[in-house]
PDB file of N, CA and C in Angstrom:
ATOM      1  N   MET A   1      22.808  -4.266 -20.293  1.00  0.00           N
ATOM      2  CA  MET A   1      21.495  -3.695 -20.489  1.00  0.00           C
ATOM      3  C   MET A   1      21.684  -2.258 -20.969  1.00  0.00           C
ATOM      4  N   HIS A   2      21.275  -1.994 -22.175  1.00  0.00           N
ATOM      5  CA  HIS A   2      21.372  -0.654 -22.746  1.00  0.00           C
ATOM      6  C   HIS A   2      20.253  -0.473 -23.761  1.00  0.00           C
ATOM      7  N   SER A   3      20.087   0.747 -24.155  1.00  0.00           N
ATOM      8  CA  SER A   3      19.083   1.085 -25.141  1.00  0.00           C
ATOM      9  C   SER A   3      19.768   1.870 -26.252  1.00  0.00           C
ATOM     10  N   ALA A   4      19.473   1.524 -27.486  1.00  0.00           N
ATOM     11  CA  ALA A   4      20.131   2.170 -28.617  1.00  0.00           C
ATOM     12  C   ALA A   4      19.102   2.426 -29.710  1.00  0.00           C
ATOM     13  N   PRO A   5      19.427   3.299 -30.665  1.00  0.00           N
ATOM     14  CA  PRO A   5      18.479   3.577 -31.744  1.00  0.00           C
ATOM     15  C   PRO A   5      18.227   2.344 -32.603  1.00  0.00           C
ATOM     16  N   TRP A   6      17.029   2.219 -33.052  1.00  0.00           N
ATOM     17  CA  TRP A   6      16.570   1.167 -33.949  1.00  0.00           C
ATOM     18  C   TRP A   6      16.644  -0.234 -33.350  1.00  0.00           C
ATOM     19  N   GLU A   7      16.673  -0.329 -32.047  1.00  0.00           N
ATOM     20  CA  GLU A   7      16.588  -1.629 -31.388  1.00  0.00           C
ATOM     21  C   GLU A   7      15.203  -1.751 -30.783  1.00  0.00           C
ATOM     22  N   TYR A   8      14.485  -2.753 -31.180  1.00  0.00           N
ATOM     23  CA  TYR A   8      13.162  -2.990 -30.606  1.00  0.00           C
ATOM     24  C   TYR A   8      13.140  -4.417 -30.084  1.00  0.00           C
ATOM     25  N   ARG A   9      12.866  -4.557 -28.813  1.00  0.00           N
ATOM     26  CA  ARG A   9      12.894  -5.871 -28.176  1.00  0.00           C
ATOM     27  C   ARG A   9      11.540  -6.285 -27.629  1.00  0.00           C
ATOM     28  N   GLY A  10      10.493  -5.633 -28.040  1.00  0.00           N
ATOM     29  CA  GLY A  10       9.161  -5.991 -27.580  1.00  0.00           C
ATOM     30  C   GLY A  10       8.604  -4.995 -26.582  1.00  0.00           C
ATOM     31  N   PHE A  11       7.317  -5.176 -26.295  1.00  0.00           N
ATOM     32  CA  PHE A  11       6.602  -4.245 -25.427  1.00  0.00           C
ATOM     33  C   PHE A  11       7.196  -4.206 -24.028  1.00  0.00           C
ATOM     34  N   PHE A  12       7.480  -5.374 -23.432  1.00  0.00           N
ATOM     35  CA  PHE A  12       8.007  -5.409 -22.067  1.00  0.00           C
ATOM     36  C   PHE A  12       9.309  -4.624 -21.974  1.00  0.00           C
ATOM     37  N   TRP A  13      10.213  -4.831 -22.932  1.00  0.00           N
ATOM     38  CA  TRP A  13      11.489  -4.120 -22.901  1.00  0.00           C
ATOM     39  C   TRP A  13      11.284  -2.614 -23.020  1.00  0.00           C
ATOM     40  N   VAL A  14      10.454  -2.210 -23.968  1.00  0.00           N
ATOM     41  CA  VAL A  14      10.256  -0.784 -24.190  1.00  0.00           C
ATOM     42  C   VAL A  14       9.583  -0.134 -22.990  1.00  0.00           C
ATOM     43  N   TYR A  15       8.496  -0.731 -22.512  1.00  0.00           N
ATOM     44  CA  TYR A  15       7.715  -0.083 -21.463  1.00  0.00           C
ATOM     45  C   TYR A  15       8.364  -0.202 -20.082  1.00  0.00           C
ATOM     46  N   VAL A  16       8.772  -1.392 -19.712  1.00  0.00           N
ATOM     47  CA  VAL A  16       9.302  -1.591 -18.362  1.00  0.00           C
ATOM     48  C   VAL A  16      10.777  -1.222 -18.279  1.00  0.00           C
ATOM     49  N   CYS A  17      11.581  -1.796 -19.128  1.00  0.00           N
ATOM     50  CA  CYS A  17      13.031  -1.563 -19.026  1.00  0.00           C
ATOM     51  C   CYS A  17      13.422  -0.172 -19.507  1.00  0.00           C
ATOM     52  N   ASN A  18      13.067   0.161 -20.744  1.00  0.00           N
ATOM     53  CA  ASN A  18      13.521   1.432 -21.319  1.00  0.00           C
ATOM     54  C   ASN A  18      12.833   2.632 -20.666  1.00  0.00           C
ATOM     55  N   GLU A  19      11.525   2.586 -20.517  1.00  0.00           N
ATOM     56  CA  GLU A  19      10.779   3.749 -20.020  1.00  0.00           C
ATOM     57  C   GLU A  19      10.861   3.932 -18.510  1.00  0.00           C
ATOM     58  N   HIS A  20      11.139   2.881 -17.767  1.00  0.00           N
ATOM     59  CA  HIS A  20      11.159   3.018 -16.312  1.00  0.00           C
ATOM     60  C   HIS A  20      12.552   2.787 -15.725  1.00  0.00           C
ATOM     61  N   LEU A  21      13.080   1.608 -15.904  1.00  0.00           N
ATOM     62  CA  LEU A  21      14.353   1.271 -15.275  1.00  0.00           C
ATOM     63  C   LEU A  21      15.512   2.071 -15.870  1.00  0.00           C
ATOM     64  N   LEU A  22      15.657   2.057 -17.185  1.00  0.00           N
ATOM     65  CA  LEU A  22      16.768   2.776 -17.799  1.00  0.00           C
ATOM     66  C   LEU A  22      16.615   4.292 -17.680  1.00  0.00           C
ATOM     67  N   ARG A  23      15.403   4.785 -17.630  1.00  0.00           N
ATOM     68  CA  ARG A  23      15.202   6.225 -17.418  1.00  0.00           C
ATOM     69  C   ARG A  23      15.675   6.623 -16.028  1.00  0.00           C
ATOM     70  N   PHE A  24      15.382   5.782 -15.029  1.00  0.00           N
ATOM     71  CA  PHE A  24      15.837   6.077 -13.664  1.00  0.00           C
ATOM     72  C   PHE A  24      17.361   6.063 -13.583  1.00  0.00           C
ATOM     73  N   LEU A  25      18.000   5.157 -14.310  1.00  0.00           N
ATOM     74  CA  LEU A  25      19.456   5.030 -14.278  1.00  0.00           C
ATOM     75  C   LEU A  25      20.168   5.950 -15.266  1.00  0.00           C
ATOM     76  N   ASN A  26      19.432   6.752 -16.000  1.00  0.00           N
ATOM     77  CA  ASN A  26      19.974   7.701 -16.975  1.00  0.00           C
ATOM     78  C   ASN A  26      20.658   6.983 -18.144  1.00  0.00           C
ATOM     79  N   LEU A  27      20.117   5.847 -18.569  1.00  0.00           N
ATOM     80  CA  LEU A  27      20.663   5.090 -19.691  1.00  0.00           C
ATOM     81  C   LEU A  27      19.658   4.952 -20.825  1.00  0.00           C
ATOM     82  N   ARG A  28      18.559   5.647 -20.768  1.00  0.00           N
ATOM     83  CA  ARG A  28      17.475   5.495 -21.738  1.00  0.00           C
ATOM     84  C   ARG A  28      17.839   6.149 -23.063  1.00  0.00           C
ATOM     85  N   TYR A  29      17.342   5.561 -24.146  1.00  0.00           N
ATOM     86  CA  TYR A  29      17.449   6.181 -25.467  1.00  0.00           C
ATOM     87  C   TYR A  29      16.042   6.356 -26.011  1.00  0.00           C
ATOM     88  N   PRO A  30      15.651   7.465 -26.528  1.00  0.00           N
ATOM     89  CA  PRO A  30      16.362   8.736 -26.588  1.00  0.00           C
ATOM     90  C   PRO A  30      16.300   9.450 -25.245  1.00  0.00           C
ATOM     91  N   ARG A  31      17.308  10.192 -24.974  1.00  0.00           N
ATOM     92  CA  ARG A  31      17.362  10.938 -23.705  1.00  0.00           C
ATOM     93  C   ARG A  31      16.570  12.224 -23.896  1.00  0.00           C
ATOM     94  N   ASP A  32      15.358  12.235 -23.382  1.00  0.00           N
ATOM     95  CA  ASP A  32      14.454  13.370 -23.599  1.00  0.00           C
ATOM     96  C   ASP A  32      13.977  13.976 -22.285  1.00  0.00           C
ATOM     97  N   TYR A  33      14.817  13.973 -21.299  1.00  0.00           N
ATOM     98  CA  TYR A  33      14.425  14.494 -20.000  1.00  0.00           C
ATOM     99  C   TYR A  33      15.612  15.227 -19.385  1.00  0.00           C
ATOM    100  N   ASN A  34      15.318  16.114 -18.484  1.00  0.00           N
ATOM    101  CA  ASN A  34      16.339  16.889 -17.792  1.00  0.00           C
ATOM    102  C   ASN A  34      16.084  16.821 -16.297  1.00  0.00           C
ATOM    103  N   THR A  35      17.086  17.128 -15.532  1.00  0.00           N
ATOM    104  CA  THR A  35      16.928  17.197 -14.087  1.00  0.00           C
ATOM    105  C   THR A  35      17.144  18.639 -13.644  1.00  0.00           C
ATOM    106  N   VAL A  36      16.687  18.906 -12.465  1.00  0.00           N
ATOM    107  CA  VAL A  36      16.920  20.205 -11.845  1.00  0.00           C
ATOM    108  C   VAL A  36      17.710  19.961 -10.565  1.00  0.00           C
ATOM    109  N   PRO A  37      18.359  20.969 -10.028  1.00  0.00           N
ATOM    110  CA  PRO A  37      19.033  20.777  -8.737  1.00  0.00           C
ATOM    111  C   PRO A  37      18.037  20.326  -7.663  1.00  0.00           C
ATOM    112  N   ARG A  38      18.532  19.568  -6.715  1.00  0.00           N
ATOM    113  CA  ARG A  38      17.645  18.960  -5.709  1.00  0.00           C
ATOM    114  C   ARG A  38      16.873  19.996  -4.896  1.00  0.00           C
ATOM    115  N   LEU A  39      17.501  21.105  -4.595  1.00  0.00           N
ATOM    116  CA  LEU A  39      16.800  22.154  -3.842  1.00  0.00           C
ATOM    117  C   LEU A  39      15.613  22.672  -4.636  1.00  0.00           C
ATOM    118  N   TYR A  40      15.809  22.922  -5.933  1.00  0.00           N
ATOM    119  CA  TYR A  40      14.711  23.378  -6.784  1.00  0.00           C
ATOM    120  C   TYR A  40      13.626  22.308  -6.902  1.00  0.00           C
ATOM    121  N   PHE A  41      14.035  21.056  -6.970  1.00  0.00           N
ATOM    122  CA  PHE A  41      13.070  19.959  -7.050  1.00  0.00           C
ATOM    123  C   PHE A  41      12.113  19.990  -5.859  1.00  0.00           C
ATOM    124  N   TRP A  42      12.669  20.151  -4.657  1.00  0.00           N
ATOM    125  CA  TRP A  42      11.821  20.192  -3.456  1.00  0.00           C
ATOM    126  C   TRP A  42      11.000  21.483  -3.405  1.00  0.00           C
ATOM    127  N   LEU A  43      11.574  22.606  -3.789  1.00  0.00           N
ATOM    128  CA  LEU A  43      10.818  23.863  -3.786  1.00  0.00           C
ATOM    129  C   LEU A  43       9.699  23.839  -4.825  1.00  0.00           C
ATOM    130  N   PHE A  44       9.969  23.262  -5.992  1.00  0.00           N
ATOM    131  CA  PHE A  44       8.919  23.133  -7.001  1.00  0.00           C
ATOM    132  C   PHE A  44       7.790  22.241  -6.509  1.00  0.00           C
ATOM    133  N   HIS A  45       8.114  21.205  -5.770  1.00  0.00           N
ATOM    134  CA  HIS A  45       7.050  20.354  -5.241  1.00  0.00           C
ATOM    135  C   HIS A  45       6.196  21.105  -4.219  1.00  0.00           C
ATOM    136  N   LEU A  46       6.815  21.907  -3.404  1.00  0.00           N
ATOM    137  CA  LEU A  46       6.021  22.727  -2.481  1.00  0.00           C
ATOM    138  C   LEU A  46       5.097  23.665  -3.239  1.00  0.00           C
ATOM    139  N   LEU A  47       5.583  24.188  -4.351  1.00  0.00           N
ATOM    140  CA  LEU A  47       4.772  25.080  -5.173  1.00  0.00           C
ATOM    141  C   LEU A  47       3.666  24.318  -5.892  1.00  0.00           C
ATOM    142  N   TRP A  48       4.002  23.182  -6.517  1.00  0.00           N
ATOM    143  CA  TRP A  48       3.023  22.424  -7.288  1.00  0.00           C
ATOM    144  C   TRP A  48       1.961  21.784  -6.407  1.00  0.00           C
ATOM    145  N   LEU A  49       2.313  21.466  -5.194  1.00  0.00           N
ATOM    146  CA  LEU A  49       1.351  20.885  -4.254  1.00  0.00           C
ATOM    147  C   LEU A  49       0.793  21.963  -3.338  1.00  0.00           C
ATOM    148  N   PHE A  50       0.677  23.166  -3.852  1.00  0.00           N
ATOM    149  CA  PHE A  50       0.402  24.346  -3.036  1.00  0.00           C
ATOM    150  C   PHE A  50      -0.757  24.214  -2.057  1.00  0.00           C
ATOM    151  N   PRO A  51      -1.941  23.853  -2.444  1.00  0.00           N
ATOM    152  CA  PRO A  51      -2.994  23.875  -1.423  1.00  0.00           C
ATOM    153  C   PRO A  51      -2.688  22.950  -0.253  1.00  0.00           C
ATOM    154  N   TRP A  52      -1.992  21.859  -0.511  1.00  0.00           N
ATOM    155  CA  TRP A  52      -1.715  20.891   0.547  1.00  0.00           C
ATOM    156  C   TRP A  52      -0.405  21.193   1.250  1.00  0.00           C
ATOM    157  N   SER A  53       0.526  21.843   0.588  1.00  0.00           N
ATOM    158  CA  SER A  53       1.814  22.129   1.217  1.00  0.00           C
ATOM    159  C   SER A  53       1.690  23.172   2.329  1.00  0.00           C
ATOM    160  N   VAL A  54       0.619  23.934   2.322  1.00  0.00           N
ATOM    161  CA  VAL A  54       0.387  24.896   3.404  1.00  0.00           C
ATOM    162  C   VAL A  54       0.190  24.165   4.729  1.00  0.00           C
ATOM    163  N   TYR A  55      -0.395  22.982   4.675  1.00  0.00           N
ATOM    164  CA  TYR A  55      -0.682  22.211   5.874  1.00  0.00           C
ATOM    165  C   TYR A  55       0.477  21.308   6.296  1.00  0.00           C
ATOM    166  N   LEU A  56       1.573  21.322   5.569  1.00  0.00           N
ATOM    167  CA  LEU A  56       2.707  20.474   5.890  1.00  0.00           C
ATOM    168  C   LEU A  56       3.268  20.720   7.292  1.00  0.00           C
ATOM    169  N   PRO A  57       3.429  21.964   7.754  1.00  0.00           N
ATOM    170  CA  PRO A  57       3.911  22.162   9.129  1.00  0.00           C
ATOM    171  C   PRO A  57       2.955  21.603  10.191  1.00  0.00           C
ATOM    172  N   ALA A  58       1.678  21.509   9.867  1.00  0.00           N
ATOM    173  CA  ALA A  58       0.716  20.975  10.838  1.00  0.00           C
ATOM    174  C   ALA A  58       0.864  19.473  11.032  1.00  0.00           C
ATOM    175  N   THR A  59       1.547  18.788  10.112  1.00  0.00           N
ATOM    176  CA  THR A  59       1.723  17.341  10.265  1.00  0.00           C
ATOM    177  C   THR A  59       2.638  16.996  11.433  1.00  0.00           C
ATOM    178  N   ILE A  60       3.426  17.960  11.875  1.00  0.00           N
ATOM    179  CA  ILE A  60       4.308  17.714  13.019  1.00  0.00           C
ATOM    180  C   ILE A  60       3.494  17.508  14.288  1.00  0.00           C
ATOM    181  N   LYS A  61       2.387  18.209  14.403  1.00  0.00           N
ATOM    182  CA  LYS A  61       1.574  18.142  15.610  1.00  0.00           C
ATOM    183  C   LYS A  61       0.612  16.953  15.644  1.00  0.00           C
ATOM    184  N   LEU A  62       0.479  16.233  14.545  1.00  0.00           N
ATOM    185  CA  LEU A  62      -0.441  15.104  14.508  1.00  0.00           C
ATOM    186  C   LEU A  62       0.060  13.953  15.373  1.00  0.00           C
ATOM    187  N   ASN A  63      -0.887  13.158  15.853  1.00  0.00           N
ATOM    188  CA  ASN A  63      -0.552  12.002  16.665  1.00  0.00           C
ATOM    189  C   ASN A  63      -0.302  10.807  15.747  1.00  0.00           C
ATOM    190  N   TYR A  64       0.906  10.280  15.792  1.00  0.00           N
ATOM    191  CA  TYR A  64       1.251   9.119  14.975  1.00  0.00           C
ATOM    192  C   TYR A  64       1.371   7.852  15.802  1.00  0.00           C
ATOM    193  N   ARG A  65       1.243   7.977  17.096  1.00  0.00           N
ATOM    194  CA  ARG A  65       1.369   6.838  17.994  1.00  0.00           C
ATOM    195  C   ARG A  65       0.066   6.689  18.775  1.00  0.00           C
ATOM    196  N   GLY A  66      -0.645   5.636  18.501  1.00  0.00           N
ATOM    197  CA  GLY A  66      -1.939   5.426  19.145  1.00  0.00           C
ATOM    198  C   GLY A  66      -1.797   4.966  20.576  1.00  0.00           C
ATOM    199  N   THR A  67      -2.911   5.000  21.308  1.00  0.00           N
ATOM    200  CA  THR A  67      -2.904   4.595  22.712  1.00  0.00           C
ATOM    201  C   THR A  67      -3.278   3.121  22.881  1.00  0.00           C
ATOM    202  N   ASP A  68      -4.193   2.642  22.075  1.00  0.00           N
ATOM    203  CA  ASP A  68      -4.662   1.267  22.203  1.00  0.00           C
ATOM    204  C   ASP A  68      -4.709   0.638  20.813  1.00  0.00           C
ATOM    205  N   ARG A  69      -4.308  -0.599  20.676  1.00  0.00           N
ATOM    206  CA  ARG A  69      -4.239  -1.234  19.366  1.00  0.00           C
ATOM    207  C   ARG A  69      -5.617  -1.468  18.754  1.00  0.00           C
ATOM    208  N   ALA A  70      -6.655  -1.568  19.555  1.00  0.00           N
ATOM    209  CA  ALA A  70      -7.980  -1.867  19.028  1.00  0.00           C
ATOM    210  C   ALA A  70      -8.817  -0.615  18.778  1.00  0.00           C
ATOM    211  N   SER A  71      -8.339   0.533  19.200  1.00  0.00           N
ATOM    212  CA  SER A  71      -9.161   1.734  19.077  1.00  0.00           C
ATOM    213  C   SER A  71      -9.123   2.284  17.663  1.00  0.00           C
ATOM    214  N   LEU A  72     -10.150   3.046  17.342  1.00  0.00           N
ATOM    215  CA  LEU A  72     -10.243   3.678  16.031  1.00  0.00           C
ATOM    216  C   LEU A  72      -9.195   4.773  15.873  1.00  0.00           C
ATOM    217  N   LEU A  73      -8.866   5.456  16.969  1.00  0.00           N
ATOM    218  CA  LEU A  73      -7.850   6.505  16.903  1.00  0.00           C
ATOM    219  C   LEU A  73      -6.484   5.928  16.566  1.00  0.00           C
ATOM    220  N   ASP A  74      -6.202   4.743  17.097  1.00  0.00           N
ATOM    221  CA  ASP A  74      -4.924   4.115  16.797  1.00  0.00           C
ATOM    222  C   ASP A  74      -4.846   3.760  15.315  1.00  0.00           C
ATOM    223  N   ARG A  75      -5.952   3.293  14.768  1.00  0.00           N
ATOM    224  CA  ARG A  75      -5.973   2.957  13.340  1.00  0.00           C
ATOM    225  C   ARG A  75      -5.763   4.209  12.487  1.00  0.00           C
ATOM    226  N   ALA A  76      -6.381   5.301  12.862  1.00  0.00           N
ATOM    227  CA  ALA A  76      -6.215   6.552  12.123  1.00  0.00           C
ATOM    228  C   ALA A  76      -4.782   7.068  12.231  1.00  0.00           C
ATOM    229  N   SER A  77      -4.176   6.950  13.398  1.00  0.00           N
ATOM    230  CA  SER A  77      -2.799   7.424  13.553  1.00  0.00           C
ATOM    231  C   SER A  77      -1.828   6.570  12.740  1.00  0.00           C
ATOM    232  N   ARG A  78      -2.082   5.275  12.679  1.00  0.00           N
ATOM    233  CA  ARG A  78      -1.220   4.419  11.856  1.00  0.00           C
ATOM    234  C   ARG A  78      -1.396   4.728  10.368  1.00  0.00           C
ATOM    235  N   MET A  79      -2.612   5.060   9.965  1.00  0.00           N
ATOM    236  CA  MET A  79      -2.855   5.415   8.562  1.00  0.00           C
ATOM    237  C   MET A  79      -2.162   6.728   8.207  1.00  0.00           C
ATOM    238  N   ARG A  80      -2.186   7.693   9.128  1.00  0.00           N
ATOM    239  CA  ARG A  80      -1.468   8.950   8.899  1.00  0.00           C
ATOM    240  C   ARG A  80       0.030   8.703   8.748  1.00  0.00           C
ATOM    241  N   LEU A  81       0.565   7.842   9.597  1.00  0.00           N
ATOM    242  CA  LEU A  81       1.985   7.530   9.527  1.00  0.00           C
ATOM    243  C   LEU A  81       2.326   6.830   8.211  1.00  0.00           C
ATOM    244  N   LEU A  82       1.480   5.916   7.777  1.00  0.00           N
ATOM    245  CA  LEU A  82       1.705   5.224   6.513  1.00  0.00           C
ATOM    246  C   LEU A  82       1.687   6.207   5.340  1.00  0.00           C
ATOM    247  N   CYS A  83       0.719   7.095   5.304  1.00  0.00           N
ATOM    248  CA  CYS A  83       0.630   8.082   4.212  1.00  0.00           C
ATOM    249  C   CYS A  83       1.830   9.018   4.209  1.00  0.00           C
ATOM    250  N   LEU A  84       2.260   9.453   5.376  1.00  0.00           N
ATOM    251  CA  LEU A  84       3.420  10.334   5.461  1.00  0.00           C
ATOM    252  C   LEU A  84       4.691   9.611   5.015  1.00  0.00           C
ATOM    253  N   CYS A  85       4.852   8.361   5.413  1.00  0.00           N
ATOM    254  CA  CYS A  85       6.025   7.589   4.994  1.00  0.00           C
ATOM    255  C   CYS A  85       6.017   7.336   3.494  1.00  0.00           C
ATOM    256  N   TRP A  86       4.845   7.047   2.939  1.00  0.00           N
ATOM    257  CA  TRP A  86       4.764   6.779   1.507  1.00  0.00           C
ATOM    258  C   TRP A  86       5.081   8.034   0.689  1.00  0.00           C
ATOM    259  N   ALA A  87       4.536   9.158   1.078  1.00  0.00           N
ATOM    260  CA  ALA A  87       4.826  10.411   0.369  1.00  0.00           C
ATOM    261  C   ALA A  87       6.304  10.764   0.487  1.00  0.00           C
ATOM    262  N   GLY A  88       6.875  10.572   1.658  1.00  0.00           N
ATOM    263  CA  GLY A  88       8.297  10.835   1.843  1.00  0.00           C
ATOM    264  C   GLY A  88       9.170   9.910   1.020  1.00  0.00           C
ATOM    265  N   PHE A  89       8.798   8.638   0.939  1.00  0.00           N
ATOM    266  CA  PHE A  89       9.545   7.686   0.122  1.00  0.00           C
ATOM    267  C   PHE A  89       9.529   8.083  -1.348  1.00  0.00           C
ATOM    268  N   LEU A  90       8.357   8.460  -1.855  1.00  0.00           N
ATOM    269  CA  LEU A  90       8.269   8.850  -3.265  1.00  0.00           C
ATOM    270  C   LEU A  90       9.094  10.096  -3.571  1.00  0.00           C
ATOM    271  N   LEU A  91       9.025  11.077  -2.685  1.00  0.00           N
ATOM    272  CA  LEU A  91       9.807  12.290  -2.912  1.00  0.00           C
ATOM    273  C   LEU A  91      11.308  12.011  -2.851  1.00  0.00           C
ATOM    274  N   LEU A  92      11.734  11.178  -1.905  1.00  0.00           N
ATOM    275  CA  LEU A  92      13.156  10.835  -1.837  1.00  0.00           C
ATOM    276  C   LEU A  92      13.586  10.003  -3.035  1.00  0.00           C
ATOM    277  N   PHE A  93      12.733   9.090  -3.464  1.00  0.00           N
ATOM    278  CA  PHE A  93      13.051   8.236  -4.605  1.00  0.00           C
ATOM    279  C   PHE A  93      13.285   9.069  -5.857  1.00  0.00           C
ATOM    280  N   PHE A  94      12.385   9.992  -6.142  1.00  0.00           N
ATOM    281  CA  PHE A  94      12.531  10.804  -7.344  1.00  0.00           C
ATOM    282  C   PHE A  94      13.550  11.925  -7.190  1.00  0.00           C
ATOM    283  N   THR A  95      13.954  12.244  -5.969  1.00  0.00           N
ATOM    284  CA  THR A  95      15.005  13.226  -5.768  1.00  0.00           C
ATOM    285  C   THR A  95      16.317  12.718  -6.368  1.00  0.00           C
ATOM    286  N   PHE A  96      16.566  11.421  -6.245  1.00  0.00           N
ATOM    287  CA  PHE A  96      17.822  10.848  -6.720  1.00  0.00           C
ATOM    288  C   PHE A  96      17.715  10.227  -8.102  1.00  0.00           C
ATOM    289  N   SER A  97      16.565  10.334  -8.734  1.00  0.00           N
ATOM    290  CA  SER A  97      16.370   9.789 -10.068  1.00  0.00           C
ATOM    291  C   SER A  97      16.916  10.757 -11.109  1.00  0.00           C
ATOM    292  N   SER A  98      17.326  10.212 -12.247  1.00  0.00           N
ATOM    293  CA  SER A  98      17.776  11.085 -13.329  1.00  0.00           C
ATOM    294  C   SER A  98      16.588  11.670 -14.098  1.00  0.00           C
ATOM    295  N   ALA A  99      15.419  11.061 -13.943  1.00  0.00           N
ATOM    296  CA  ALA A  99      14.198  11.579 -14.570  1.00  0.00           C
ATOM    297  C   ALA A  99      13.248  11.983 -13.450  1.00  0.00           C
ATOM    298  N   GLN A 100      13.364  13.201 -13.015  1.00  0.00           N
ATOM    299  CA  GLN A 100      12.543  13.655 -11.895  1.00  0.00           C
ATOM    300  C   GLN A 100      11.115  13.884 -12.363  1.00  0.00           C
ATOM    301  N   GLU A 101      10.199  13.232 -11.696  1.00  0.00           N
ATOM    302  CA  GLU A 101       8.793  13.341 -12.037  1.00  0.00           C
ATOM    303  C   GLU A 101       8.160  14.472 -11.254  1.00  0.00           C
ATOM    304  N   TYR A 102       7.335  15.250 -11.935  1.00  0.00           N
ATOM    305  CA  TYR A 102       6.694  16.378 -11.278  1.00  0.00           C
ATOM    306  C   TYR A 102       5.208  16.139 -11.215  1.00  0.00           C
TER     307      TYR A 102
END
């Protein structure tokens, strides 16, 4: 699986394979992206997400473990945990990608 100049294999190949999979693996043609050091990547995200990154330390104090499975508070705590895990997964995923998305 590679990408080379003047090779066209259809929409699926170009959009899914070349633009997503091969870009993540640093095998895409043309190579039109750069990476930054991982520390800068995380610091830039704190800067770019500025209004919300101020509240990041407050997430430590939130309740992620509910008291009762049927209560509304338990549902809210599980939703907070899901959102935090999803955001963390995306940031970790793009930290190790060759095409870091900002």
